[in-house]
Amino acid sequence: MTQPEIEDPILQSRARIRMATRVGKRLGYGCFMGAVIIFLINYYLEGSGFWTSFTVTLLVIGSLILAPSIIFAYAANAADREDQGLPHGH
């Protein structure tokens, strides 16, 4: 089943933003999950400093990807609410 084609350029832009935020959230949360798994393995196996550094790197990358994704997703949803005339929620 395909979605109907969107004619409004603003709605097309929001759809692209939503798709990018979905990918960003998956990547960001995936980095966090990987960091937790690597941390637990490193903790129980008494691993090296490399794995500790890799865990921290995954946390930083996940944060840098996830924060803008959450903000832009919230902005797209707020814009839709504004278009529909619903309250801001602030």
N, C-alpha and C. Protein backbone atom coordinates (compact mmCIF):
# COMPACT_ATOMS: atom_id res chain seq x y z
N MET A 1 0.83 -1.16 0.00
CA MET A 1 0.00 0.00 0.00
C MET A 1 0.89 1.24 0.00
N THR A 2 0.64 2.13 -0.89
CA THR A 2 1.46 3.34 -0.97
C THR A 2 0.71 4.51 -0.39
N GLN A 3 1.47 5.48 0.07
CA GLN A 3 0.87 6.69 0.61
C GLN A 3 0.55 7.64 -0.53
N PRO A 4 -0.51 8.43 -0.40
CA PRO A 4 -0.83 9.39 -1.46
C PRO A 4 0.27 10.44 -1.58
N GLU A 5 0.47 10.92 -2.79
CA GLU A 5 1.50 11.92 -3.06
C GLU A 5 1.09 13.25 -2.42
N ILE A 6 2.03 13.87 -1.73
CA ILE A 6 1.78 15.14 -1.05
C ILE A 6 2.14 16.27 -2.01
N GLU A 7 1.22 17.20 -2.20
CA GLU A 7 1.43 18.31 -3.14
C GLU A 7 2.07 19.52 -2.48
N ASP A 8 1.77 19.77 -1.23
CA ASP A 8 2.25 20.97 -0.55
C ASP A 8 3.74 20.84 -0.25
N PRO A 9 4.57 21.80 -0.67
CA PRO A 9 6.02 21.69 -0.41
C PRO A 9 6.36 21.72 1.07
N ILE A 10 5.57 22.40 1.86
CA ILE A 10 5.84 22.44 3.31
C ILE A 10 5.59 21.06 3.92
N LEU A 11 4.51 20.41 3.50
CA LEU A 11 4.22 19.07 4.01
C LEU A 11 5.26 18.06 3.52
N GLN A 12 5.76 18.25 2.30
CA GLN A 12 6.84 17.39 1.79
C GLN A 12 8.10 17.57 2.64
N SER A 13 8.39 18.81 2.99
CA SER A 13 9.56 19.09 3.82
C SER A 13 9.42 18.44 5.19
N ARG A 14 8.25 18.54 5.76
CA ARG A 14 8.01 17.91 7.07
C ARG A 14 8.13 16.40 6.99
N ALA A 15 7.66 15.83 5.88
CA ALA A 15 7.76 14.38 5.71
C ALA A 15 9.23 13.96 5.61
N ARG A 16 10.05 14.74 4.90
CA ARG A 16 11.48 14.44 4.82
C ARG A 16 12.15 14.58 6.19
N ILE A 17 11.75 15.59 6.93
CA ILE A 17 12.31 15.79 8.27
C ILE A 17 11.93 14.61 9.17
N ARG A 18 10.67 14.18 9.09
CA ARG A 18 10.24 13.05 9.91
C ARG A 18 11.01 11.78 9.56
N MET A 19 11.25 11.55 8.27
CA MET A 19 11.99 10.36 7.86
C MET A 19 13.43 10.44 8.39
N ALA A 20 14.04 11.61 8.28
CA ALA A 20 15.41 11.78 8.78
C ALA A 20 15.47 11.61 10.30
N THR A 21 14.45 12.10 11.01
CA THR A 21 14.46 11.96 12.46
C THR A 21 14.26 10.51 12.88
N ARG A 22 13.46 9.75 12.11
CA ARG A 22 13.31 8.33 12.43
C ARG A 22 14.64 7.60 12.30
N VAL A 23 15.36 7.89 11.22
CA VAL A 23 16.68 7.27 11.02
C VAL A 23 17.64 7.71 12.12
N GLY A 24 17.62 9.01 12.44
CA GLY A 24 18.50 9.53 13.49
C GLY A 24 18.22 8.92 14.84
N LYS A 25 16.94 8.74 15.16
CA LYS A 25 16.60 8.12 16.44
C LYS A 25 17.06 6.68 16.49
N ARG A 26 16.89 5.96 15.39
CA ARG A 26 17.34 4.56 15.38
C ARG A 26 18.85 4.47 15.54
N LEU A 27 19.57 5.34 14.83
CA LEU A 27 21.03 5.33 14.95
C LEU A 27 21.48 5.74 16.35
N GLY A 28 20.86 6.79 16.89
CA GLY A 28 21.24 7.27 18.21
C GLY A 28 20.98 6.26 19.30
N TYR A 29 19.77 5.70 19.30
CA TYR A 29 19.45 4.69 20.31
C TYR A 29 20.25 3.41 20.08
N GLY A 30 20.56 3.11 18.82
CA GLY A 30 21.41 1.96 18.53
C GLY A 30 22.81 2.13 19.10
N CYS A 31 23.34 3.35 18.99
CA CYS A 31 24.65 3.64 19.58
C CYS A 31 24.60 3.47 21.09
N PHE A 32 23.52 3.94 21.71
CA PHE A 32 23.39 3.78 23.16
C PHE A 32 23.30 2.30 23.54
N MET A 33 22.53 1.52 22.78
CA MET A 33 22.41 0.10 23.08
C MET A 33 23.76 -0.59 22.90
N GLY A 34 24.47 -0.25 21.84
CA GLY A 34 25.79 -0.82 21.63
C GLY A 34 26.75 -0.47 22.75
N ALA A 35 26.67 0.78 23.23
CA ALA A 35 27.53 1.21 24.33
C ALA A 35 27.24 0.42 25.60
N VAL A 36 25.97 0.19 25.88
CA VAL A 36 25.60 -0.57 27.08
C VAL A 36 26.09 -2.01 26.97
N ILE A 37 25.88 -2.61 25.80
CA ILE A 37 26.32 -4.00 25.61
C ILE A 37 27.83 -4.12 25.74
N ILE A 38 28.56 -3.22 25.08
CA ILE A 38 30.02 -3.26 25.15
C ILE A 38 30.50 -2.99 26.57
N PHE A 39 29.82 -2.06 27.26
CA PHE A 39 30.19 -1.78 28.65
C PHE A 39 30.03 -3.03 29.52
N LEU A 40 28.90 -3.71 29.38
CA LEU A 40 28.66 -4.90 30.21
C LEU A 40 29.66 -6.00 29.90
N ILE A 41 29.92 -6.23 28.63
CA ILE A 41 30.91 -7.25 28.26
C ILE A 41 32.28 -6.87 28.80
N ASN A 42 32.65 -5.61 28.63
CA ASN A 42 33.94 -5.12 29.10
C ASN A 42 34.05 -5.23 30.63
N TYR A 43 32.94 -4.94 31.31
CA TYR A 43 32.94 -4.99 32.78
C TYR A 43 33.15 -6.42 33.28
N TYR A 44 32.40 -7.35 32.72
CA TYR A 44 32.47 -8.73 33.22
C TYR A 44 33.71 -9.47 32.74
N LEU A 45 34.26 -9.09 31.60
CA LEU A 45 35.45 -9.77 31.10
C LEU A 45 36.73 -9.02 31.42
N GLU A 46 36.59 -7.90 32.14
CA GLU A 46 37.72 -7.06 32.50
C GLU A 46 38.56 -6.75 31.26
N GLY A 47 37.91 -6.10 30.31
CA GLY A 47 38.53 -5.79 29.02
C GLY A 47 39.54 -4.68 29.10
N SER A 48 39.96 -4.25 27.93
CA SER A 48 41.02 -3.27 27.83
C SER A 48 40.47 -1.85 27.79
N GLY A 49 41.39 -0.90 27.81
CA GLY A 49 41.02 0.50 27.72
C GLY A 49 40.44 0.87 26.37
N PHE A 50 40.78 0.10 25.33
CA PHE A 50 40.22 0.36 24.00
C PHE A 50 38.71 0.25 24.03
N TRP A 51 38.19 -0.79 24.68
CA TRP A 51 36.74 -0.99 24.71
C TRP A 51 36.05 0.07 25.56
N THR A 52 36.74 0.54 26.58
CA THR A 52 36.19 1.65 27.36
C THR A 52 36.10 2.91 26.51
N SER A 53 37.15 3.18 25.76
CA SER A 53 37.15 4.34 24.86
C SER A 53 36.08 4.19 23.78
N PHE A 54 35.91 2.98 23.28
CA PHE A 54 34.89 2.73 22.26
C PHE A 54 33.49 2.95 22.83
N THR A 55 33.28 2.56 24.08
CA THR A 55 31.99 2.78 24.74
C THR A 55 31.70 4.27 24.86
N VAL A 56 32.68 5.03 25.29
CA VAL A 56 32.50 6.48 25.42
C VAL A 56 32.26 7.12 24.06
N THR A 57 32.97 6.64 23.05
CA THR A 57 32.78 7.16 21.69
C THR A 57 31.36 6.90 21.21
N LEU A 58 30.84 5.71 21.45
CA LEU A 58 29.47 5.41 21.06
C LEU A 58 28.47 6.30 21.79
N LEU A 59 28.71 6.58 23.06
CA LEU A 59 27.82 7.46 23.81
C LEU A 59 27.83 8.88 23.24
N VAL A 60 29.00 9.37 22.88
CA VAL A 60 29.11 10.72 22.33
C VAL A 60 28.44 10.79 20.96
N ILE A 61 28.73 9.82 20.10
CA ILE A 61 28.12 9.81 18.77
C ILE A 61 26.60 9.68 18.88
N GLY A 62 26.14 8.79 19.75
CA GLY A 62 24.70 8.63 19.95
C GLY A 62 24.04 9.91 20.43
N SER A 63 24.69 10.63 21.31
CA SER A 63 24.14 11.90 21.80
C SER A 63 24.10 12.95 20.70
N LEU A 64 25.16 13.01 19.90
CA LEU A 64 25.21 14.01 18.83
C LEU A 64 24.17 13.73 17.74
N ILE A 65 23.82 12.49 17.54
CA ILE A 65 22.81 12.14 16.54
C ILE A 65 21.41 12.26 17.12
N LEU A 66 21.23 11.79 18.34
CA LEU A 66 19.90 11.68 18.92
C LEU A 66 19.30 13.04 19.31
N ALA A 67 20.09 13.92 19.87
CA ALA A 67 19.55 15.20 20.35
C ALA A 67 18.88 16.00 19.22
N PRO A 68 19.54 16.24 18.09
CA PRO A 68 18.85 16.98 17.03
C PRO A 68 17.65 16.22 16.47
N SER A 69 17.72 14.89 16.43
CA SER A 69 16.61 14.11 15.92
C SER A 69 15.36 14.31 16.77
N ILE A 70 15.53 14.29 18.07
CA ILE A 70 14.40 14.49 18.97
C ILE A 70 13.84 15.90 18.82
N ILE A 71 14.71 16.88 18.73
CA ILE A 71 14.27 18.27 18.62
C ILE A 71 13.52 18.50 17.32
N PHE A 72 14.05 18.02 16.20
CA PHE A 72 13.38 18.22 14.92
C PHE A 72 12.07 17.45 14.83
N ALA A 73 11.99 16.27 15.42
CA ALA A 73 10.73 15.52 15.44
C ALA A 73 9.68 16.29 16.23
N TYR A 74 10.08 16.83 17.37
CA TYR A 74 9.16 17.63 18.17
C TYR A 74 8.70 18.87 17.39
N ALA A 75 9.62 19.50 16.67
CA ALA A 75 9.27 20.69 15.89
C ALA A 75 8.28 20.37 14.78
N ALA A 76 8.47 19.23 14.10
CA ALA A 76 7.54 18.85 13.03
C ALA A 76 6.16 18.55 13.60
N ASN A 77 6.10 17.88 14.75
CA ASN A 77 4.81 17.61 15.37
C ASN A 77 4.15 18.90 15.85
N ALA A 78 4.93 19.82 16.39
CA ALA A 78 4.38 21.10 16.84
C ALA A 78 3.85 21.90 15.66
N ALA A 79 4.53 21.85 14.53
CA ALA A 79 4.06 22.56 13.34
C ALA A 79 2.74 21.98 12.86
N ASP A 80 2.59 20.67 12.91
CA ASP A 80 1.32 20.05 12.53
C ASP A 80 0.20 20.48 13.48
N ARG A 81 0.50 20.51 14.77
CA ARG A 81 -0.51 20.94 15.74
C ARG A 81 -0.90 22.39 15.49
N GLU A 82 0.06 23.21 15.15
CA GLU A 82 -0.21 24.63 14.86
C GLU A 82 -1.10 24.75 13.63
N ASP A 83 -0.84 23.97 12.60
CA ASP A 83 -1.66 23.99 11.38
C ASP A 83 -3.09 23.57 11.66
N GLN A 84 -3.27 22.64 12.58
CA GLN A 84 -4.60 22.15 12.91
C GLN A 84 -5.33 23.06 13.89
N GLY A 85 -4.64 24.07 14.41
CA GLY A 85 -5.25 25.00 15.35
C GLY A 85 -5.35 24.46 16.76
N LEU A 86 -4.59 23.45 17.08
CA LEU A 86 -4.61 22.88 18.42
C LEU A 86 -3.71 23.69 19.34
N PRO A 87 -3.90 23.58 20.65
CA PRO A 87 -3.04 24.34 21.58
C PRO A 87 -1.58 23.91 21.48
N HIS A 88 -0.71 24.82 21.84
CA HIS A 88 0.73 24.58 21.74
C HIS A 88 1.22 23.52 22.69
N GLY A 89 0.66 23.42 23.86
CA GLY A 89 1.14 22.48 24.86
C GLY A 89 2.24 23.06 25.73
N HIS A 90 2.47 24.36 25.64
CA HIS A 90 3.50 25.01 26.46
C HIS A 90 2.84 25.65 27.64
